[in-house]
Amino acid sequence: QVQLVESGGGLVQAGDSLRLSCAASGRTFSSYDMAWFRQGPGKEREFVAGINWSGGSTYYSDSMKGRFTISRDNAKNTVYLQMNNLKPEDTAVYYCAADGLPYGLRISPSAKNYDYWGRGTQVTVSS
């Protein structure tokens, strides 16, 4: 059983920054790719960013590249999402996800490749 718990969301103004955290427990965290997804009001869930099991490789959605940074601390079993210059369109519930297979060869942007999900943390950006 894998548990993922997100934190760090909140209400901010456009241009502000937030750092989301996702604490993992229940298995060897350092063996699995991790990702952040988000789902805005009335929208489908979309990929935000992913990081491979070692932290040596990252992958971003084009629309978030340059503003968001994903990182991980395997000693703390935690993955982070630093979000800068937030925009109202970034308003969404942000979810942390863990790949179902260890030592993945490629970071996947597809939600179906992630077997474990947190409950999400709300980010609201006001204009």
Foldseek 3Di string as FASTA:
>chain_A
DKAKAKDWADEEAAQAKTKMKIAMDDDQLLFWKKFKWWDAVPGDIFGAKIAGSNQPDIDGDPVQPPFWDWGDDSVRRMIMIIGGRDDQVVWTWMKMFIAPDTPDPDDDRDPVRTDDIHPTDTHGYHD
